[in-house]
Amino acid sequence: MKVAYVFRSNMASTFQLATMILPQLEGGFHGAQVVGMFFFDDNTYCLRSGDPVGERLAKVAREQGVLLMMCDQCAVRRNLAEGTLEQCGTGEVTAKGTVDGVTAGCFPQLFEALGGDPPDQVITL
């Protein structure tokens, strides 16, 4: 089964991702193939360059082909992207100051990025 995770709830990246999902992916026993992760609000902070969780996640994503995308509007508001709020949703916003492999976008970019390898299930945490 292929899954995509949406980190929406407060602290989902520091609790569910960092202490459950990521160790399982690193250990090879997660039980599902993760094709993408999408980060909202303060969950984007774990994707900052140098963040221990983000650096581990970037390594796993690179090895396992996992899409890492953060909400472009959330990223602009937190100085993790180049662009303006008016550009959000257009695909013109780019991630900055993040771990390797992270992109910024909105639902159109997420749908396009996962379109070639769509998940069977989307799990929002």
PDB file of N, CA and C in Angstrom:
ATOM      1  N   MET A   1       0.834  -1.176   0.000  1.00  0.00           N
ATOM      2  CA  MET A   1       0.000   0.000   0.000  1.00  0.00           C
ATOM      3  C   MET A   1       0.882   1.243   0.000  1.00  0.00           C
ATOM      4  N   LYS A   2       0.495   2.239  -0.792  1.00  0.00           N
ATOM      5  CA  LYS A   2       1.201   3.515  -0.851  1.00  0.00           C
ATOM      6  C   LYS A   2       0.394   4.556  -0.083  1.00  0.00           C
ATOM      7  N   VAL A   3       1.100   5.323   0.764  1.00  0.00           N
ATOM      8  CA  VAL A   3       0.433   6.350   1.555  1.00  0.00           C
ATOM      9  C   VAL A   3       1.146   7.697   1.384  1.00  0.00           C
ATOM     10  N   ALA A   4       0.381   8.740   1.627  1.00  0.00           N
ATOM     11  CA  ALA A   4       0.934  10.088   1.737  1.00  0.00           C
ATOM     12  C   ALA A   4       0.459  10.642   3.071  1.00  0.00           C
ATOM     13  N   TYR A   5       1.345  11.360   3.744  1.00  0.00           N
ATOM     14  CA  TYR A   5       1.008  11.954   5.030  1.00  0.00           C
ATOM     15  C   TYR A   5       0.854  13.461   4.874  1.00  0.00           C
ATOM     16  N   VAL A   6      -0.139  14.001   5.551  1.00  0.00           N
ATOM     17  CA  VAL A   6      -0.329  15.443   5.653  1.00  0.00           C
ATOM     18  C   VAL A   6      -0.169  15.794   7.129  1.00  0.00           C
ATOM     19  N   PHE A   7       0.838  16.606   7.426  1.00  0.00           N
ATOM     20  CA  PHE A   7       1.095  17.008   8.805  1.00  0.00           C
ATOM     21  C   PHE A   7       0.412  18.347   9.045  1.00  0.00           C
ATOM     22  N   ARG A   8      -0.759  18.280   9.625  1.00  0.00           N
ATOM     23  CA  ARG A   8      -1.635  19.437   9.789  1.00  0.00           C
ATOM     24  C   ARG A   8      -1.802  19.848  11.250  1.00  0.00           C
ATOM     25  N   SER A   9      -1.891  18.889  12.139  1.00  0.00           N
ATOM     26  CA  SER A   9      -2.159  19.172  13.556  1.00  0.00           C
ATOM     27  C   SER A   9      -0.932  19.758  14.247  1.00  0.00           C
ATOM     28  N   ASN A  10      -1.184  20.527  15.265  1.00  0.00           N
ATOM     29  CA  ASN A  10      -0.125  21.098  16.065  1.00  0.00           C
ATOM     30  C   ASN A  10       0.829  20.005  16.553  1.00  0.00           C
ATOM     31  N   MET A  11       2.095  20.169  16.282  1.00  0.00           N
ATOM     32  CA  MET A  11       3.173  19.277  16.723  1.00  0.00           C
ATOM     33  C   MET A  11       3.155  17.882  16.079  1.00  0.00           C
ATOM     34  N   ALA A  12       2.430  17.677  15.004  1.00  0.00           N
ATOM     35  CA  ALA A  12       2.419  16.373  14.348  1.00  0.00           C
ATOM     36  C   ALA A  12       3.808  15.966  13.869  1.00  0.00           C
ATOM     37  N   SER A  13       4.615  16.939  13.459  1.00  0.00           N
ATOM     38  CA  SER A  13       5.957  16.603  12.974  1.00  0.00           C
ATOM     39  C   SER A  13       6.908  16.262  14.114  1.00  0.00           C
ATOM     40  N   THR A  14       6.676  16.806  15.289  1.00  0.00           N
ATOM     41  CA  THR A  14       7.568  16.509  16.403  1.00  0.00           C
ATOM     42  C   THR A  14       7.099  15.309  17.218  1.00  0.00           C
ATOM     43  N   PHE A  15       5.873  14.913  17.041  1.00  0.00           N
ATOM     44  CA  PHE A  15       5.387  13.746  17.773  1.00  0.00           C
ATOM     45  C   PHE A  15       5.220  12.549  16.833  1.00  0.00           C
ATOM     46  N   GLN A  16       4.185  12.543  16.013  1.00  0.00           N
ATOM     47  CA  GLN A  16       3.933  11.372  15.165  1.00  0.00           C
ATOM     48  C   GLN A  16       5.066  11.109  14.168  1.00  0.00           C
ATOM     49  N   LEU A  17       5.574  12.157  13.524  1.00  0.00           N
ATOM     50  CA  LEU A  17       6.650  11.953  12.556  1.00  0.00           C
ATOM     51  C   LEU A  17       7.956  11.564  13.242  1.00  0.00           C
ATOM     52  N   ALA A  18       8.407  12.385  14.174  1.00  0.00           N
ATOM     53  CA  ALA A  18       9.732  12.196  14.768  1.00  0.00           C
ATOM     54  C   ALA A  18       9.850  10.953  15.634  1.00  0.00           C
ATOM     55  N   THR A  19       8.771  10.571  16.327  1.00  0.00           N
ATOM     56  CA  THR A  19       8.890   9.459  17.271  1.00  0.00           C
ATOM     57  C   THR A  19       8.257   8.158  16.795  1.00  0.00           C
ATOM     58  N   MET A  20       7.465   8.225  15.742  1.00  0.00           N
ATOM     59  CA  MET A  20       6.821   6.998  15.246  1.00  0.00           C
ATOM     60  C   MET A  20       7.198   6.699  13.801  1.00  0.00           C
ATOM     61  N   ILE A  21       6.756   7.552  12.891  1.00  0.00           N
ATOM     62  CA  ILE A  21       6.903   7.277  11.456  1.00  0.00           C
ATOM     63  C   ILE A  21       8.364   7.237  11.027  1.00  0.00           C
ATOM     64  N   LEU A  22       9.126   8.258  11.372  1.00  0.00           N
ATOM     65  CA  LEU A  22      10.523   8.334  10.926  1.00  0.00           C
ATOM     66  C   LEU A  22      11.366   7.163  11.419  1.00  0.00           C
ATOM     67  N   PRO A  23      11.315   6.797  12.710  1.00  0.00           N
ATOM     68  CA  PRO A  23      12.089   5.620  13.132  1.00  0.00           C
ATOM     69  C   PRO A  23      11.670   4.338  12.403  1.00  0.00           C
ATOM     70  N   GLN A  24      10.395   4.206  12.099  1.00  0.00           N
ATOM     71  CA  GLN A  24       9.937   3.025  11.366  1.00  0.00           C
ATOM     72  C   GLN A  24      10.465   3.021   9.938  1.00  0.00           C
ATOM     73  N   LEU A  25      10.467   4.195   9.289  1.00  0.00           N
ATOM     74  CA  LEU A  25      11.015   4.282   7.933  1.00  0.00           C
ATOM     75  C   LEU A  25      12.512   4.000   7.936  1.00  0.00           C
ATOM     76  N   GLU A  26      13.213   4.549   8.906  1.00  0.00           N
ATOM     77  CA  GLU A  26      14.662   4.313   9.004  1.00  0.00           C
ATOM     78  C   GLU A  26      14.957   2.840   9.263  1.00  0.00           C
ATOM     79  N   GLY A  27      14.123   2.190  10.036  1.00  0.00           N
ATOM     80  CA  GLY A  27      14.331   0.784  10.372  1.00  0.00           C
ATOM     81  C   GLY A  27      13.783  -0.189   9.347  1.00  0.00           C
ATOM     82  N   GLY A  28      13.042   0.318   8.371  1.00  0.00           N
ATOM     83  CA  GLY A  28      12.512  -0.541   7.308  1.00  0.00           C
ATOM     84  C   GLY A  28      11.306  -1.368   7.713  1.00  0.00           C
ATOM     85  N   PHE A  29      10.562  -0.942   8.739  1.00  0.00           N
ATOM     86  CA  PHE A  29       9.408  -1.724   9.166  1.00  0.00           C
ATOM     87  C   PHE A  29       8.131  -0.883   9.282  1.00  0.00           C
ATOM     88  N   HIS A  30       8.011   0.151   8.473  1.00  0.00           N
ATOM     89  CA  HIS A  30       6.831   1.015   8.541  1.00  0.00           C
ATOM     90  C   HIS A  30       5.562   0.293   8.082  1.00  0.00           C
ATOM     91  N   GLY A  31       5.690  -0.585   7.110  1.00  0.00           N
ATOM     92  CA  GLY A  31       4.545  -1.380   6.685  1.00  0.00           C
ATOM     93  C   GLY A  31       3.813  -0.844   5.471  1.00  0.00           C
ATOM     94  N   ALA A  32       4.114   0.373   5.059  1.00  0.00           N
ATOM     95  CA  ALA A  32       3.524   0.957   3.851  1.00  0.00           C
ATOM     96  C   ALA A  32       4.613   1.749   3.139  1.00  0.00           C
ATOM     97  N   GLN A  33       4.457   1.869   1.848  1.00  0.00           N
ATOM     98  CA  GLN A  33       5.385   2.686   1.066  1.00  0.00           C
ATOM     99  C   GLN A  33       4.896   4.132   1.136  1.00  0.00           C
ATOM    100  N   VAL A  34       5.724   5.012   1.652  1.00  0.00           N
ATOM    101  CA  VAL A  34       5.365   6.421   1.753  1.00  0.00           C
ATOM    102  C   VAL A  34       5.825   7.116   0.470  1.00  0.00           C
ATOM    103  N   VAL A  35       4.871   7.725  -0.247  1.00  0.00           N
ATOM    104  CA  VAL A  35       5.211   8.401  -1.498  1.00  0.00           C
ATOM    105  C   VAL A  35       5.288   9.915  -1.347  1.00  0.00           C
ATOM    106  N   GLY A  36       4.712  10.443  -0.264  1.00  0.00           N
ATOM    107  CA  GLY A  36       4.766  11.884  -0.080  1.00  0.00           C
ATOM    108  C   GLY A  36       4.418  12.315   1.325  1.00  0.00           C
ATOM    109  N   MET A  37       4.940  13.496   1.677  1.00  0.00           N
ATOM    110  CA  MET A  37       4.614  14.144   2.949  1.00  0.00           C
ATOM    111  C   MET A  37       4.412  15.618   2.665  1.00  0.00           C
ATOM    112  N   PHE A  38       3.328  16.161   3.217  1.00  0.00           N
ATOM    113  CA  PHE A  38       2.974  17.562   3.017  1.00  0.00           C
ATOM    114  C   PHE A  38       2.834  18.215   4.387  1.00  0.00           C
ATOM    115  N   PHE A  39       3.485  19.359   4.590  1.00  0.00           N
ATOM    116  CA  PHE A  39       3.593  19.988   5.897  1.00  0.00           C
ATOM    117  C   PHE A  39       2.889  21.344   5.923  1.00  0.00           C
ATOM    118  N   PHE A  40       2.056  21.542   6.944  1.00  0.00           N
ATOM    119  CA  PHE A  40       1.361  22.809   7.160  1.00  0.00           C
ATOM    120  C   PHE A  40       1.850  23.481   8.436  1.00  0.00           C
ATOM    121  N   ASP A  41       1.600  24.783   8.522  1.00  0.00           N
ATOM    122  CA  ASP A  41       1.786  25.590   9.720  1.00  0.00           C
ATOM    123  C   ASP A  41       3.178  25.381  10.322  1.00  0.00           C
ATOM    124  N   ASP A  42       3.263  25.296  11.651  1.00  0.00           N
ATOM    125  CA  ASP A  42       4.571  25.178  12.304  1.00  0.00           C
ATOM    126  C   ASP A  42       5.249  23.834  12.064  1.00  0.00           C
ATOM    127  N   ASN A  43       4.544  22.880  11.501  1.00  0.00           N
ATOM    128  CA  ASN A  43       5.180  21.609  11.139  1.00  0.00           C
ATOM    129  C   ASN A  43       6.273  21.817  10.097  1.00  0.00           C
ATOM    130  N   THR A  44       6.218  22.934   9.371  1.00  0.00           N
ATOM    131  CA  THR A  44       7.255  23.224   8.378  1.00  0.00           C
ATOM    132  C   THR A  44       8.620  23.445   9.020  1.00  0.00           C
ATOM    133  N   TYR A  45       8.638  23.857  10.282  1.00  0.00           N
ATOM    134  CA  TYR A  45       9.917  24.148  10.935  1.00  0.00           C
ATOM    135  C   TYR A  45      10.839  22.933  11.008  1.00  0.00           C
ATOM    136  N   CYS A  46      10.307  21.732  11.039  1.00  0.00           N
ATOM    137  CA  CYS A  46      11.184  20.554  11.087  1.00  0.00           C
ATOM    138  C   CYS A  46      11.958  20.382   9.787  1.00  0.00           C
ATOM    139  N   LEU A  47      11.572  21.100   8.746  1.00  0.00           N
ATOM    140  CA  LEU A  47      12.248  20.994   7.454  1.00  0.00           C
ATOM    141  C   LEU A  47      13.390  21.999   7.291  1.00  0.00           C
ATOM    142  N   ARG A  48      13.638  22.798   8.318  1.00  0.00           N
ATOM    143  CA  ARG A  48      14.746  23.770   8.258  1.00  0.00           C
ATOM    144  C   ARG A  48      16.084  23.051   8.163  1.00  0.00           C
ATOM    145  N   SER A  49      16.957  23.627   7.396  1.00  0.00           N
ATOM    146  CA  SER A  49      18.319  23.100   7.285  1.00  0.00           C
ATOM    147  C   SER A  49      18.938  23.018   8.673  1.00  0.00           C
ATOM    148  N   GLY A  50      19.531  21.880   8.980  1.00  0.00           N
ATOM    149  CA  GLY A  50      20.172  21.673  10.264  1.00  0.00           C
ATOM    150  C   GLY A  50      19.272  21.089  11.333  1.00  0.00           C
ATOM    151  N   ASP A  51      17.963  21.066  11.114  1.00  0.00           N
ATOM    152  CA  ASP A  51      17.059  20.472  12.098  1.00  0.00           C
ATOM    153  C   ASP A  51      17.306  18.965  12.132  1.00  0.00           C
ATOM    154  N   PRO A  52      17.515  18.365  13.311  1.00  0.00           N
ATOM    155  CA  PRO A  52      17.831  16.939  13.390  1.00  0.00           C
ATOM    156  C   PRO A  52      16.758  16.039  12.755  1.00  0.00           C
ATOM    157  N   VAL A  53      15.498  16.337  12.996  1.00  0.00           N
ATOM    158  CA  VAL A  53      14.421  15.528  12.397  1.00  0.00           C
ATOM    159  C   VAL A  53      14.410  15.723  10.889  1.00  0.00           C
ATOM    160  N   GLY A  54      14.532  16.978  10.462  1.00  0.00           N
ATOM    161  CA  GLY A  54      14.533  17.268   9.031  1.00  0.00           C
ATOM    162  C   GLY A  54      15.690  16.626   8.287  1.00  0.00           C
ATOM    163  N   GLU A  55      16.867  16.637   8.884  1.00  0.00           N
ATOM    164  CA  GLU A  55      18.032  16.026   8.228  1.00  0.00           C
ATOM    165  C   GLU A  55      17.844  14.512   8.098  1.00  0.00           C
ATOM    166  N   ARG A  56      17.320  13.888   9.140  1.00  0.00           N
ATOM    167  CA  ARG A  56      17.032  12.433   9.064  1.00  0.00           C
ATOM    168  C   ARG A  56      15.971  12.162   8.010  1.00  0.00           C
ATOM    169  N   LEU A  57      14.949  12.996   7.993  1.00  0.00           N
ATOM    170  CA  LEU A  57      13.859  12.823   7.028  1.00  0.00           C
ATOM    171  C   LEU A  57      14.348  13.008   5.600  1.00  0.00           C
ATOM    172  N   ALA A  58      15.203  13.993   5.371  1.00  0.00           N
ATOM    173  CA  ALA A  58      15.742  14.225   4.031  1.00  0.00           C
ATOM    174  C   ALA A  58      16.515  13.007   3.542  1.00  0.00           C
ATOM    175  N   LYS A  59      17.269  12.385   4.427  1.00  0.00           N
ATOM    176  CA  LYS A  59      18.035  11.181   4.055  1.00  0.00           C
ATOM    177  C   LYS A  59      17.094  10.044   3.672  1.00  0.00           C
ATOM    178  N   VAL A  60      16.082   9.811   4.484  1.00  0.00           N
ATOM    179  CA  VAL A  60      15.108   8.757   4.191  1.00  0.00           C
ATOM    180  C   VAL A  60      14.371   9.064   2.888  1.00  0.00           C
ATOM    181  N   ALA A  61      13.965  10.316   2.710  1.00  0.00           N
ATOM    182  CA  ALA A  61      13.229  10.694   1.502  1.00  0.00           C
ATOM    183  C   ALA A  61      14.060  10.467   0.249  1.00  0.00           C
ATOM    184  N   ARG A  62      15.321  10.827   0.327  1.00  0.00           N
ATOM    185  CA  ARG A  62      16.230  10.623  -0.807  1.00  0.00           C
ATOM    186  C   ARG A  62      16.375   9.134  -1.118  1.00  0.00           C
ATOM    187  N   GLU A  63      16.579   8.320  -0.088  1.00  0.00           N
ATOM    188  CA  GLU A  63      16.773   6.880  -0.279  1.00  0.00           C
ATOM    189  C   GLU A  63      15.513   6.160  -0.739  1.00  0.00           C
ATOM    190  N   GLN A  64      14.342   6.617  -0.273  1.00  0.00           N
ATOM    191  CA  GLN A  64      13.101   5.904  -0.537  1.00  0.00           C
ATOM    192  C   GLN A  64      12.191   6.598  -1.548  1.00  0.00           C
ATOM    193  N   GLY A  65      12.638   7.715  -2.102  1.00  0.00           N
ATOM    194  CA  GLY A  65      11.854   8.406  -3.123  1.00  0.00           C
ATOM    195  C   GLY A  65      10.580   9.052  -2.597  1.00  0.00           C
ATOM    196  N   VAL A  66      10.662   9.668  -1.428  1.00  0.00           N
ATOM    197  CA  VAL A  66       9.503  10.300  -0.807  1.00  0.00           C
ATOM    198  C   VAL A  66       9.484  11.791  -1.147  1.00  0.00           C
ATOM    199  N   LEU A  67       8.357  12.280  -1.637  1.00  0.00           N
ATOM    200  CA  LEU A  67       8.169  13.700  -1.882  1.00  0.00           C
ATOM    201  C   LEU A  67       8.044  14.433  -0.548  1.00  0.00           C
ATOM    202  N   LEU A  68       8.808  15.510  -0.377  1.00  0.00           N
ATOM    203  CA  LEU A  68       8.695  16.376   0.793  1.00  0.00           C
ATOM    204  C   LEU A  68       8.266  17.752   0.307  1.00  0.00           C
ATOM    205  N   MET A  69       7.047  18.156   0.658  1.00  0.00           N
ATOM    206  CA  MET A  69       6.527  19.446   0.230  1.00  0.00           C
ATOM    207  C   MET A  69       5.907  20.162   1.419  1.00  0.00           C
ATOM    208  N   MET A  70       6.138  21.470   1.464  1.00  0.00           N
ATOM    209  CA  MET A  70       5.510  22.273   2.506  1.00  0.00           C
ATOM    210  C   MET A  70       4.576  23.278   1.850  1.00  0.00           C
ATOM    211  N   CYS A  71       3.543  23.617   2.578  1.00  0.00           N
ATOM    212  CA  CYS A  71       2.587  24.618   2.120  1.00  0.00           C
ATOM    213  C   CYS A  71       3.337  25.906   1.800  1.00  0.00           C
ATOM    214  N   ASP A  72       3.163  26.389   0.584  1.00  0.00           N
ATOM    215  CA  ASP A  72       3.895  27.590   0.185  1.00  0.00           C
ATOM    216  C   ASP A  72       3.532  28.803   1.033  1.00  0.00           C
ATOM    217  N   GLN A  73       2.258  28.963   1.362  1.00  0.00           N
ATOM    218  CA  GLN A  73       1.846  30.105   2.179  1.00  0.00           C
ATOM    219  C   GLN A  73       2.422  30.007   3.597  1.00  0.00           C
ATOM    220  N   CYS A  74       2.398  28.800   4.164  1.00  0.00           N
ATOM    221  CA  CYS A  74       2.972  28.582   5.497  1.00  0.00           C
ATOM    222  C   CYS A  74       4.472  28.874   5.473  1.00  0.00           C
ATOM    223  N   ALA A  75       5.134  28.462   4.403  1.00  0.00           N
ATOM    224  CA  ALA A  75       6.576  28.650   4.275  1.00  0.00           C
ATOM    225  C   ALA A  75       6.935  30.122   4.103  1.00  0.00           C
ATOM    226  N   VAL A  76       6.180  30.841   3.280  1.00  0.00           N
ATOM    227  CA  VAL A  76       6.440  32.271   3.093  1.00  0.00           C
ATOM    228  C   VAL A  76       6.282  33.002   4.417  1.00  0.00           C
ATOM    229  N   ARG A  77       5.235  32.676   5.159  1.00  0.00           N
ATOM    230  CA  ARG A  77       4.978  33.338   6.439  1.00  0.00           C
ATOM    231  C   ARG A  77       6.055  33.036   7.484  1.00  0.00           C
ATOM    232  N   ARG A  78       6.796  31.946   7.306  1.00  0.00           N
ATOM    233  CA  ARG A  78       7.836  31.550   8.267  1.00  0.00           C
ATOM    234  C   ARG A  78       9.249  31.749   7.724  1.00  0.00           C
ATOM    235  N   ASN A  79       9.357  32.476   6.628  1.00  0.00           N
ATOM    236  CA  ASN A  79      10.645  32.776   6.006  1.00  0.00           C
ATOM    237  C   ASN A  79      11.383  31.514   5.566  1.00  0.00           C
ATOM    238  N   LEU A  80      10.630  30.519   5.121  1.00  0.00           N
ATOM    239  CA  LEU A  80      11.217  29.278   4.600  1.00  0.00           C
ATOM    240  C   LEU A  80      11.017  29.150   3.091  1.00  0.00           C
ATOM    241  N   ALA A  81      10.648  30.260   2.459  1.00  0.00           N
ATOM    242  CA  ALA A  81      10.435  30.233   1.012  1.00  0.00           C
ATOM    243  C   ALA A  81      10.674  31.609   0.418  1.00  0.00           C
ATOM    244  N   GLU A  82      11.043  31.601  -0.853  1.00  0.00           N
ATOM    245  CA  GLU A  82      11.161  32.821  -1.647  1.00  0.00           C
ATOM    246  C   GLU A  82       9.862  32.980  -2.414  1.00  0.00           C
ATOM    247  N   GLY A  83       9.283  34.162  -2.314  1.00  0.00           N
ATOM    248  CA  GLY A  83       8.043  34.446  -3.019  1.00  0.00           C
ATOM    249  C   GLY A  83       7.141  35.300  -2.156  1.00  0.00           C
ATOM    250  N   THR A  84       5.977  35.593  -2.683  1.00  0.00           N
ATOM    251  CA  THR A  84       5.020  36.432  -1.968  1.00  0.00           C
ATOM    252  C   THR A  84       3.742  35.640  -1.725  1.00  0.00           C
ATOM    253  N   LEU A  85       2.939  36.143  -0.822  1.00  0.00           N
ATOM    254  CA  LEU A  85       1.656  35.489  -0.551  1.00  0.00           C
ATOM    255  C   LEU A  85       0.778  35.486  -1.793  1.00  0.00           C
ATOM    256  N   GLU A  86       0.910  36.501  -2.623  1.00  0.00           N
ATOM    257  CA  GLU A  86       0.122  36.557  -3.860  1.00  0.00           C
ATOM    258  C   GLU A  86       0.524  35.460  -4.848  1.00  0.00           C
ATOM    259  N   GLN A  87       1.734  34.968  -4.749  1.00  0.00           N
ATOM    260  CA  GLN A  87       2.219  33.912  -5.651  1.00  0.00           C
ATOM    261  C   GLN A  87       1.836  32.516  -5.169  1.00  0.00           C
ATOM    262  N   CYS A  88       1.360  32.415  -3.948  1.00  0.00           N
ATOM    263  CA  CYS A  88       1.031  31.094  -3.398  1.00  0.00           C
ATOM    264  C   CYS A  88      -0.041  30.409  -4.246  1.00  0.00           C
ATOM    265  N   GLY A  89       0.182  29.135  -4.482  1.00  0.00           N
ATOM    266  CA  GLY A  89      -0.734  28.347  -5.290  1.00  0.00           C
ATOM    267  C   GLY A  89      -0.407  28.334  -6.767  1.00  0.00           C
ATOM    268  N   THR A  90       0.520  29.180  -7.194  1.00  0.00           N
ATOM    269  CA  THR A  90       0.848  29.282  -8.615  1.00  0.00           C
ATOM    270  C   THR A  90       2.028  28.409  -9.029  1.00  0.00           C
ATOM    271  N   GLY A  91       2.777  27.908  -8.048  1.00  0.00           N
ATOM    272  CA  GLY A  91       3.981  27.147  -8.352  1.00  0.00           C
ATOM    273  C   GLY A  91       5.214  28.012  -8.451  1.00  0.00           C
ATOM    274  N   GLU A  92       5.086  29.312  -8.178  1.00  0.00           N
ATOM    275  CA  GLU A  92       6.210  30.235  -8.287  1.00  0.00           C
ATOM    276  C   GLU A  92       7.008  30.374  -7.002  1.00  0.00           C
ATOM    277  N   VAL A  93       6.506  29.884  -5.892  1.00  0.00           N
ATOM    278  CA  VAL A  93       7.190  29.986  -4.608  1.00  0.00           C
ATOM    279  C   VAL A  93       8.205  28.844  -4.495  1.00  0.00           C
ATOM    280  N   THR A  94       9.404  29.157  -4.037  1.00  0.00           N
ATOM    281  CA  THR A  94      10.438  28.135  -3.897  1.00  0.00           C
ATOM    282  C   THR A  94      10.931  28.070  -2.454  1.00  0.00           C
ATOM    283  N   ALA A  95      11.233  26.871  -2.016  1.00  0.00           N
ATOM    284  CA  ALA A  95      11.736  26.659  -0.650  1.00  0.00           C
ATOM    285  C   ALA A  95      13.113  27.270  -0.502  1.00  0.00           C
ATOM    286  N   LYS A  96      13.416  27.759   0.717  1.00  0.00           N
ATOM    287  CA  LYS A  96      14.759  28.263   1.014  1.00  0.00           C
ATOM    288  C   LYS A  96      15.084  27.922   2.463  1.00  0.00           C
ATOM    289  N   GLY A  97      16.343  27.668   2.715  1.00  0.00           N
ATOM    290  CA  GLY A  97      16.784  27.392   4.081  1.00  0.00           C
ATOM    291  C   GLY A  97      16.274  26.076   4.628  1.00  0.00           C
ATOM    292  N   THR A  98      15.990  25.133   3.740  1.00  0.00           N
ATOM    293  CA  THR A  98      15.439  23.839   4.158  1.00  0.00           C
ATOM    294  C   THR A  98      16.438  22.714   3.889  1.00  0.00           C
ATOM    295  N   VAL A  99      16.136  21.562   4.429  1.00  0.00           N
ATOM    296  CA  VAL A  99      16.934  20.380   4.138  1.00  0.00           C
ATOM    297  C   VAL A  99      16.797  20.055   2.659  1.00  0.00           C
ATOM    298  N   ASP A 100      17.705  19.260   2.144  1.00  0.00           N
ATOM    299  CA  ASP A 100      17.704  18.901   0.723  1.00  0.00           C
ATOM    300  C   ASP A 100      16.406  18.210   0.318  1.00  0.00           C
ATOM    301  N   GLY A 101      15.939  18.576  -0.860  1.00  0.00           N
ATOM    302  CA  GLY A 101      14.814  17.879  -1.462  1.00  0.00           C
ATOM    303  C   GLY A 101      13.436  18.435  -1.151  1.00  0.00           C
ATOM    304  N   VAL A 102      13.347  19.473  -0.349  1.00  0.00           N
ATOM    305  CA  VAL A 102      12.047  20.037   0.027  1.00  0.00           C
ATOM    306  C   VAL A 102      11.588  21.027  -1.044  1.00  0.00           C
ATOM    307  N   THR A 103      10.308  20.940  -1.388  1.00  0.00           N
ATOM    308  CA  THR A 103       9.699  21.909  -2.283  1.00  0.00           C
ATOM    309  C   THR A 103       8.575  22.629  -1.551  1.00  0.00           C
ATOM    310  N   ALA A 104       8.201  23.777  -2.072  1.00  0.00           N
ATOM    311  CA  ALA A 104       7.069  24.532  -1.543  1.00  0.00           C
ATOM    312  C   ALA A 104       5.982  24.549  -2.610  1.00  0.00           C
ATOM    313  N   GLY A 105       4.749  24.396  -2.169  1.00  0.00           N
ATOM    314  CA  GLY A 105       3.651  24.421  -3.124  1.00  0.00           C
ATOM    315  C   GLY A 105       2.313  24.385  -2.428  1.00  0.00           C
ATOM    316  N   CYS A 106       1.290  24.322  -3.232  1.00  0.00           N
ATOM    317  CA  CYS A 106      -0.080  24.226  -2.728  1.00  0.00           C
ATOM    318  C   CYS A 106      -0.700  22.981  -3.361  1.00  0.00           C
ATOM    319  N   PHE A 107      -1.976  22.814  -3.192  1.00  0.00           N
ATOM    320  CA  PHE A 107      -2.610  21.591  -3.676  1.00  0.00           C
ATOM    321  C   PHE A 107      -2.386  21.323  -5.160  1.00  0.00           C
ATOM    322  N   PRO A 108      -2.425  22.330  -6.048  1.00  0.00           N
ATOM    323  CA  PRO A 108      -2.156  22.011  -7.460  1.00  0.00           C
ATOM    324  C   PRO A 108      -0.775  21.383  -7.666  1.00  0.00           C
ATOM    325  N   GLN A 109       0.233  21.906  -6.956  1.00  0.00           N
ATOM    326  CA  GLN A 109       1.581  21.354  -7.092  1.00  0.00           C
ATOM    327  C   GLN A 109       1.681  19.982  -6.437  1.00  0.00           C
ATOM    328  N   LEU A 110       1.003  19.790  -5.320  1.00  0.00           N
ATOM    329  CA  LEU A 110       0.996  18.488  -4.663  1.00  0.00           C
ATOM    330  C   LEU A 110       0.354  17.430  -5.556  1.00  0.00           C
ATOM    331  N   PHE A 111      -0.798  17.758  -6.129  1.00  0.00           N
ATOM    332  CA  PHE A 111      -1.488  16.805  -7.004  1.00  0.00           C
ATOM    333  C   PHE A 111      -0.632  16.451  -8.212  1.00  0.00           C
ATOM    334  N   GLU A 112       0.015  17.449  -8.788  1.00  0.00           N
ATOM    335  CA  GLU A 112       0.882  17.200  -9.940  1.00  0.00           C
ATOM    336  C   GLU A 112       2.074  16.320  -9.554  1.00  0.00           C
ATOM    337  N   ALA A 113       2.691  16.620  -8.417  1.00  0.00           N
ATOM    338  CA  ALA A 113       3.877  15.873  -7.984  1.00  0.00           C
ATOM    339  C   ALA A 113       3.557  14.417  -7.670  1.00  0.00           C
ATOM    340  N   LEU A 114       2.376  14.160  -7.123  1.00  0.00           N
ATOM    341  CA  LEU A 114       1.998  12.784  -6.773  1.00  0.00           C
ATOM    342  C   LEU A 114       1.232  12.081  -7.888  1.00  0.00           C
ATOM    343  N   GLY A 115       0.905  12.798  -8.939  1.00  0.00           N
ATOM    344  CA  GLY A 115       0.091  12.239 -10.017  1.00  0.00           C
ATOM    345  C   GLY A 115       0.688  11.026 -10.694  1.00  0.00           C
ATOM    346  N   GLY A 116       2.009  10.988 -10.827  1.00  0.00           N
ATOM    347  CA  GLY A 116       2.660   9.859 -11.480  1.00  0.00           C
ATOM    348  C   GLY A 116       2.774   8.637 -10.586  1.00  0.00           C
ATOM    349  N   ASP A 117       2.641   8.817  -9.292  1.00  0.00           N
ATOM    350  CA  ASP A 117       2.750   7.720  -8.332  1.00  0.00           C
ATOM    351  C   ASP A 117       1.772   7.994  -7.182  1.00  0.00           C
ATOM    352  N   PRO A 118       0.467   7.988  -7.475  1.00  0.00           N
ATOM    353  CA  PRO A 118      -0.507   8.407  -6.469  1.00  0.00           C
ATOM    354  C   PRO A 118      -0.583   7.444  -5.284  1.00  0.00           C
ATOM    355  N   PRO A 119      -0.854   7.992  -4.100  1.00  0.00           N
ATOM    356  CA  PRO A 119      -1.015   7.133  -2.933  1.00  0.00           C
ATOM    357  C   PRO A 119      -2.360   6.409  -2.983  1.00  0.00           C
ATOM    358  N   ASP A 120      -2.425   5.278  -2.317  1.00  0.00           N
ATOM    359  CA  ASP A 120      -3.699   4.586  -2.139  1.00  0.00           C
ATOM    360  C   ASP A 120      -4.513   5.249  -1.031  1.00  0.00           C
ATOM    361  N   GLN A 121      -3.809   5.827  -0.078  1.00  0.00           N
ATOM    362  CA  GLN A 121      -4.460   6.484   1.054  1.00  0.00           C
ATOM    363  C   GLN A 121      -3.683   7.739   1.431  1.00  0.00           C
ATOM    364  N   VAL A 122      -4.424   8.748   1.887  1.00  0.00           N
ATOM    365  CA  VAL A 122      -3.827   9.967   2.430  1.00  0.00           C
ATOM    366  C   VAL A 122      -4.202  10.015   3.910  1.00  0.00           C
ATOM    367  N   ILE A 123      -3.202  10.178   4.737  1.00  0.00           N
ATOM    368  CA  ILE A 123      -3.408  10.189   6.195  1.00  0.00           C
ATOM    369  C   ILE A 123      -3.058  11.568   6.715  1.00  0.00           C
ATOM    370  N   THR A 124      -4.012  12.220   7.355  1.00  0.00           N
ATOM    371  CA  THR A 124      -3.787  13.538   7.927  1.00  0.00           C
ATOM    372  C   THR A 124      -3.559  13.399   9.425  1.00  0.00           C
ATOM    373  N   LEU A 125      -2.456  13.924   9.874  1.00  0.00           N
ATOM    374  CA  LEU A 125      -2.095  13.883  11.291  1.00  0.00           C
ATOM    375  C   LEU A 125      -2.037  15.287  11.855  1.00  0.00           C
TER     376      LEU A 125
END
